N, C-alpha and C. Protein backbone atom coordinates (compact mmCIF):
# COMPACT_ATOMS: atom_id res chain seq x y z
N MET A 1 108.54 90.34 127.64
CA MET A 1 107.54 89.67 126.85
C MET A 1 107.89 88.19 126.82
N SER A 2 107.04 87.34 127.34
CA SER A 2 107.37 85.93 127.35
C SER A 2 106.48 85.17 126.39
N HIS A 3 107.07 84.22 125.71
CA HIS A 3 106.34 83.34 124.82
C HIS A 3 107.16 82.09 124.58
N THR A 4 106.52 81.10 124.04
CA THR A 4 107.21 79.85 123.78
C THR A 4 107.78 79.87 122.38
N HIS A 5 109.07 79.66 122.28
CA HIS A 5 109.68 79.57 120.95
C HIS A 5 109.22 78.29 120.29
N GLY A 6 109.19 78.30 118.98
CA GLY A 6 108.87 77.11 118.23
C GLY A 6 107.40 76.72 118.30
N THR A 7 106.52 77.67 118.38
CA THR A 7 105.10 77.39 118.43
C THR A 7 104.61 77.08 117.03
N CYS A 8 103.94 75.95 116.85
CA CYS A 8 103.45 75.60 115.52
C CYS A 8 102.00 76.01 115.37
N CYS A 9 101.50 75.94 114.15
CA CYS A 9 100.16 76.45 113.89
C CYS A 9 99.09 75.39 114.01
N GLN A 10 99.41 74.18 114.42
CA GLN A 10 98.41 73.13 114.44
C GLN A 10 97.19 73.50 115.26
N SER A 11 97.38 74.08 116.43
CA SER A 11 96.23 74.43 117.26
C SER A 11 95.81 75.89 117.06
N LYS A 12 96.51 76.65 116.27
CA LYS A 12 96.24 78.08 116.13
C LYS A 12 95.42 78.43 114.89
N CYS A 13 95.24 77.49 114.00
CA CYS A 13 94.48 77.78 112.80
C CYS A 13 93.63 76.57 112.44
N ALA A 14 92.77 76.71 111.46
CA ALA A 14 91.88 75.61 111.08
C ALA A 14 92.62 74.53 110.31
N SER A 15 93.86 74.75 109.98
CA SER A 15 94.64 73.81 109.19
C SER A 15 94.83 72.49 109.93
N LYS A 16 94.78 71.39 109.19
CA LYS A 16 95.03 70.08 109.78
C LYS A 16 96.51 69.72 109.69
N THR A 17 97.26 70.46 108.92
CA THR A 17 98.68 70.21 108.73
C THR A 17 99.49 70.94 109.79
N LYS A 18 100.41 70.23 110.41
CA LYS A 18 101.30 70.85 111.41
C LYS A 18 102.39 71.60 110.64
N PHE A 19 102.61 72.87 110.99
CA PHE A 19 103.60 73.70 110.29
C PHE A 19 104.47 74.39 111.32
N GLN A 20 105.77 74.16 111.26
CA GLN A 20 106.71 74.75 112.22
C GLN A 20 107.73 75.62 111.48
N PRO A 21 107.64 76.95 111.62
CA PRO A 21 108.67 77.80 111.01
C PRO A 21 110.04 77.51 111.62
N LEU A 22 111.07 77.66 110.85
CA LEU A 22 112.44 77.42 111.32
C LEU A 22 113.14 78.74 111.59
N GLY A 23 114.11 78.71 112.49
CA GLY A 23 114.94 79.88 112.78
C GLY A 23 114.13 81.07 113.21
N ASP A 24 114.42 82.22 112.59
CA ASP A 24 113.74 83.47 112.97
C ASP A 24 112.55 83.77 112.06
N ARG A 25 111.95 82.73 111.51
CA ARG A 25 110.80 82.93 110.64
C ARG A 25 109.50 82.88 111.43
N VAL A 26 108.50 83.59 110.89
CA VAL A 26 107.19 83.73 111.54
C VAL A 26 106.11 83.44 110.50
N LEU A 27 105.12 82.64 110.87
CA LEU A 27 103.98 82.36 110.00
C LEU A 27 102.85 83.30 110.38
N VAL A 28 102.32 84.04 109.41
CA VAL A 28 101.24 85.00 109.66
C VAL A 28 100.11 84.80 108.67
N ARG A 29 98.94 85.29 109.04
CA ARG A 29 97.79 85.33 108.13
C ARG A 29 97.41 86.78 107.97
N ARG A 30 97.38 87.24 106.72
CA ARG A 30 96.99 88.63 106.47
C ARG A 30 95.58 88.88 106.98
N LEU A 31 95.35 90.06 107.53
CA LEU A 31 94.01 90.43 107.97
C LEU A 31 93.21 90.88 106.77
N GLU A 32 91.94 90.56 106.77
CA GLU A 32 91.07 90.92 105.65
C GLU A 32 90.87 92.42 105.58
N GLN A 33 90.97 92.94 104.37
CA GLN A 33 90.73 94.36 104.13
C GLN A 33 89.24 94.59 103.97
N GLU A 34 88.80 95.76 104.28
CA GLU A 34 87.40 96.12 104.05
C GLU A 34 87.08 95.84 102.59
N GLU A 35 86.02 95.08 102.35
CA GLU A 35 85.75 94.62 100.99
C GLU A 35 84.96 95.61 100.14
N THR A 36 84.45 96.62 100.75
CA THR A 36 83.69 97.58 99.95
C THR A 36 84.24 98.98 100.10
N LEU A 37 84.03 99.77 99.10
CA LEU A 37 84.44 101.17 99.12
C LEU A 37 83.20 101.98 98.77
N LYS A 38 82.62 102.67 99.75
CA LYS A 38 81.39 103.44 99.56
C LYS A 38 80.28 102.58 98.94
N GLY A 39 80.15 101.33 99.44
CA GLY A 39 79.07 100.47 98.99
C GLY A 39 79.34 99.71 97.71
N ILE A 40 80.50 99.91 97.10
CA ILE A 40 80.84 99.22 95.86
C ILE A 40 81.70 98.01 96.21
N LEU A 41 81.30 96.83 95.75
CA LEU A 41 82.07 95.62 96.01
C LEU A 41 83.28 95.60 95.07
N LEU A 42 84.45 95.47 95.66
CA LEU A 42 85.67 95.47 94.85
C LEU A 42 86.05 94.05 94.46
N PRO A 43 86.44 93.84 93.19
CA PRO A 43 86.92 92.51 92.80
C PRO A 43 88.27 92.23 93.48
N ASP A 44 88.60 90.95 93.62
CA ASP A 44 89.86 90.57 94.27
C ASP A 44 91.06 91.26 93.64
N SER A 45 91.04 91.45 92.33
CA SER A 45 92.18 92.06 91.65
C SER A 45 92.37 93.53 92.01
N ALA A 46 91.32 94.18 92.52
CA ALA A 46 91.41 95.60 92.86
C ALA A 46 91.80 95.83 94.31
N LYS A 47 91.76 94.78 95.12
CA LYS A 47 92.11 94.93 96.54
C LYS A 47 93.62 94.99 96.68
N LYS A 48 94.09 95.92 97.49
CA LYS A 48 95.53 95.98 97.72
C LYS A 48 95.88 95.04 98.86
N LYS A 49 97.09 94.53 98.84
CA LYS A 49 97.53 93.62 99.88
C LYS A 49 97.68 94.37 101.19
N GLN A 50 97.18 93.77 102.24
CA GLN A 50 97.29 94.38 103.55
C GLN A 50 98.64 94.08 104.16
N GLU A 51 99.15 95.03 104.88
CA GLU A 51 100.41 94.84 105.57
C GLU A 51 100.18 94.40 107.01
N GLU A 52 98.92 94.42 107.47
CA GLU A 52 98.60 93.96 108.81
C GLU A 52 98.34 92.46 108.76
N ALA A 53 98.86 91.74 109.77
CA ALA A 53 98.68 90.30 109.80
C ALA A 53 98.66 89.81 111.24
N LYS A 54 98.10 88.62 111.41
CA LYS A 54 98.05 87.98 112.73
C LYS A 54 99.11 86.88 112.77
N VAL A 55 99.89 86.85 113.85
CA VAL A 55 100.93 85.83 114.01
C VAL A 55 100.26 84.51 114.35
N ILE A 56 100.58 83.48 113.57
CA ILE A 56 100.00 82.15 113.75
C ILE A 56 101.00 81.21 114.42
N ALA A 57 102.27 81.30 114.03
CA ALA A 57 103.31 80.43 114.60
C ALA A 57 104.65 81.12 114.49
N ILE A 58 105.56 80.79 115.39
CA ILE A 58 106.90 81.38 115.36
C ILE A 58 107.96 80.29 115.39
N GLY A 59 109.11 80.61 114.81
CA GLY A 59 110.23 79.67 114.81
C GLY A 59 110.94 79.66 116.15
N THR A 60 112.03 78.93 116.19
CA THR A 60 112.80 78.77 117.43
C THR A 60 113.75 79.92 117.68
N GLY A 61 113.94 80.80 116.70
CA GLY A 61 114.82 81.95 116.86
C GLY A 61 116.24 81.65 116.40
N LYS A 62 117.06 82.69 116.36
CA LYS A 62 118.47 82.58 115.98
C LYS A 62 119.33 82.69 117.23
N LYS A 63 120.61 82.47 117.03
CA LYS A 63 121.56 82.65 118.13
C LYS A 63 122.58 83.70 117.72
N ASP A 64 123.07 84.47 118.71
CA ASP A 64 124.09 85.47 118.42
C ASP A 64 125.45 84.76 118.29
N LYS A 65 126.50 85.54 118.05
CA LYS A 65 127.82 84.95 117.81
C LYS A 65 128.38 84.20 119.02
N ASN A 66 127.82 84.46 120.21
CA ASN A 66 128.25 83.76 121.42
C ASN A 66 127.37 82.56 121.74
N GLY A 67 126.40 82.29 120.88
CA GLY A 67 125.52 81.15 121.10
C GLY A 67 124.31 81.44 121.97
N ASN A 68 124.13 82.69 122.35
CA ASN A 68 122.97 83.07 123.15
C ASN A 68 121.75 83.25 122.25
N PRO A 69 120.57 82.78 122.70
CA PRO A 69 119.36 82.92 121.87
C PRO A 69 118.95 84.38 121.69
N ILE A 70 118.52 84.70 120.48
CA ILE A 70 117.96 86.02 120.18
C ILE A 70 116.45 85.84 120.12
N GLU A 71 115.75 86.46 121.04
CA GLU A 71 114.31 86.29 121.14
C GLU A 71 113.59 86.92 119.95
N ILE A 72 112.60 86.20 119.43
CA ILE A 72 111.73 86.76 118.39
C ILE A 72 110.77 87.71 119.10
N PRO A 73 110.65 88.95 118.61
CA PRO A 73 109.94 89.99 119.36
C PRO A 73 108.41 89.93 119.31
N VAL A 74 107.85 88.88 118.74
CA VAL A 74 106.39 88.75 118.69
C VAL A 74 105.98 87.41 119.28
N LYS A 75 104.68 87.30 119.58
CA LYS A 75 104.15 86.03 120.06
C LYS A 75 102.90 85.68 119.25
N VAL A 76 102.48 84.44 119.35
CA VAL A 76 101.28 83.99 118.64
C VAL A 76 100.10 84.86 119.04
N ASN A 77 99.30 85.20 118.05
CA ASN A 77 98.09 86.05 118.15
C ASN A 77 98.38 87.55 118.15
N ASP A 78 99.65 87.97 118.14
CA ASP A 78 99.96 89.39 117.98
C ASP A 78 99.48 89.85 116.60
N ILE A 79 99.03 91.10 116.52
CA ILE A 79 98.72 91.73 115.24
C ILE A 79 99.94 92.57 114.89
N ILE A 80 100.48 92.34 113.71
CA ILE A 80 101.73 93.01 113.34
C ILE A 80 101.57 93.81 112.05
N LEU A 81 102.50 94.73 111.85
CA LEU A 81 102.62 95.47 110.60
C LEU A 81 103.88 94.93 109.94
N MET A 82 103.74 94.43 108.71
CA MET A 82 104.89 93.86 108.02
C MET A 82 105.22 94.66 106.77
N GLU A 83 106.45 94.52 106.31
CA GLU A 83 106.84 95.22 105.08
C GLU A 83 105.96 94.73 103.94
N LYS A 84 105.61 95.65 103.05
CA LYS A 84 104.60 95.40 102.02
C LYS A 84 104.86 94.15 101.17
N TYR A 85 106.04 93.97 100.67
CA TYR A 85 106.30 92.84 99.77
C TYR A 85 107.20 91.79 100.41
N SER A 86 107.17 91.68 101.73
CA SER A 86 108.05 90.75 102.40
C SER A 86 107.42 89.36 102.48
N GLY A 87 108.26 88.39 102.70
CA GLY A 87 107.80 87.03 102.95
C GLY A 87 107.46 86.24 101.72
N GLN A 88 107.12 85.00 101.98
CA GLN A 88 106.74 84.05 100.94
C GLN A 88 105.30 83.63 101.19
N GLU A 89 104.45 83.84 100.19
CA GLU A 89 103.05 83.42 100.33
C GLU A 89 102.97 81.92 100.15
N ILE A 90 102.25 81.26 101.05
CA ILE A 90 102.11 79.81 100.98
C ILE A 90 100.65 79.44 101.24
N LYS A 91 100.28 78.22 100.85
CA LYS A 91 98.95 77.69 101.13
C LYS A 91 99.12 76.43 101.94
N ILE A 92 98.37 76.34 103.05
CA ILE A 92 98.36 75.14 103.88
C ILE A 92 96.90 74.73 104.00
N ASP A 93 96.58 73.55 103.50
CA ASP A 93 95.19 73.06 103.55
C ASP A 93 94.19 74.11 103.06
N ASP A 94 94.48 74.72 101.92
CA ASP A 94 93.61 75.71 101.28
C ASP A 94 93.47 77.03 102.04
N GLU A 95 94.31 77.27 103.05
CA GLU A 95 94.35 78.56 103.73
C GLU A 95 95.61 79.29 103.29
N GLU A 96 95.50 80.61 103.08
CA GLU A 96 96.65 81.39 102.63
C GLU A 96 97.36 82.02 103.82
N PHE A 97 98.70 81.88 103.82
CA PHE A 97 99.55 82.42 104.87
C PHE A 97 100.76 83.09 104.23
N VAL A 98 101.52 83.80 105.05
CA VAL A 98 102.80 84.36 104.63
C VAL A 98 103.82 83.93 105.67
N ILE A 99 104.96 83.45 105.20
CA ILE A 99 106.05 83.15 106.12
C ILE A 99 107.14 84.19 105.86
N LEU A 100 107.56 84.87 106.92
CA LEU A 100 108.54 85.94 106.77
C LEU A 100 109.55 85.90 107.90
N LYS A 101 110.65 86.59 107.70
CA LYS A 101 111.66 86.70 108.75
C LYS A 101 111.22 87.74 109.77
N ALA A 102 111.62 87.52 111.01
CA ALA A 102 111.25 88.44 112.08
C ALA A 102 111.71 89.86 111.76
N ASP A 103 112.81 90.03 111.04
CA ASP A 103 113.32 91.36 110.68
C ASP A 103 112.37 92.11 109.75
N ASP A 104 111.44 91.39 109.07
CA ASP A 104 110.50 92.05 108.17
C ASP A 104 109.26 92.56 108.89
N ILE A 105 109.20 92.34 110.21
CA ILE A 105 108.10 92.86 111.01
C ILE A 105 108.45 94.26 111.46
N ILE A 106 107.60 95.22 111.14
CA ILE A 106 107.87 96.62 111.42
C ILE A 106 107.40 97.01 112.81
N ALA A 107 106.22 96.49 113.22
CA ALA A 107 105.64 96.91 114.50
C ALA A 107 104.60 95.91 114.97
N ILE A 108 104.32 95.95 116.27
CA ILE A 108 103.20 95.22 116.84
C ILE A 108 102.08 96.25 117.02
N ILE A 109 100.88 95.90 116.58
CA ILE A 109 99.74 96.82 116.65
C ILE A 109 98.85 96.40 117.80
N GLU A 110 98.57 97.34 118.69
CA GLU A 110 97.65 97.08 119.79
C GLU A 110 96.37 97.85 119.52
N LYS A 111 95.26 97.13 119.44
CA LYS A 111 93.96 97.77 119.13
C LYS A 111 93.10 97.80 120.35
């Protein structure tokens, strides 16, 4: 799997702010959950947080004890499954994102 380490979100999202995750951190945007349940519109407070997210930017990665790079196992635009309460929620130019460590990514989802 090849990808460029240190990809920032400037060209990957509508944000005007350049954001570069550091180390083994990954910037993701949660995927929107279905907003209705049997035709009933759910208020924001009733929606559960989705664990599926789209990778927006990746950090440069970590190095092992010998100084060799440890590749981050995802690339920009991958759809991932992340641990439910992992990461730090942040806002960039009024868009909501989550920044998390690569270890908090459970799987890559192929649809």
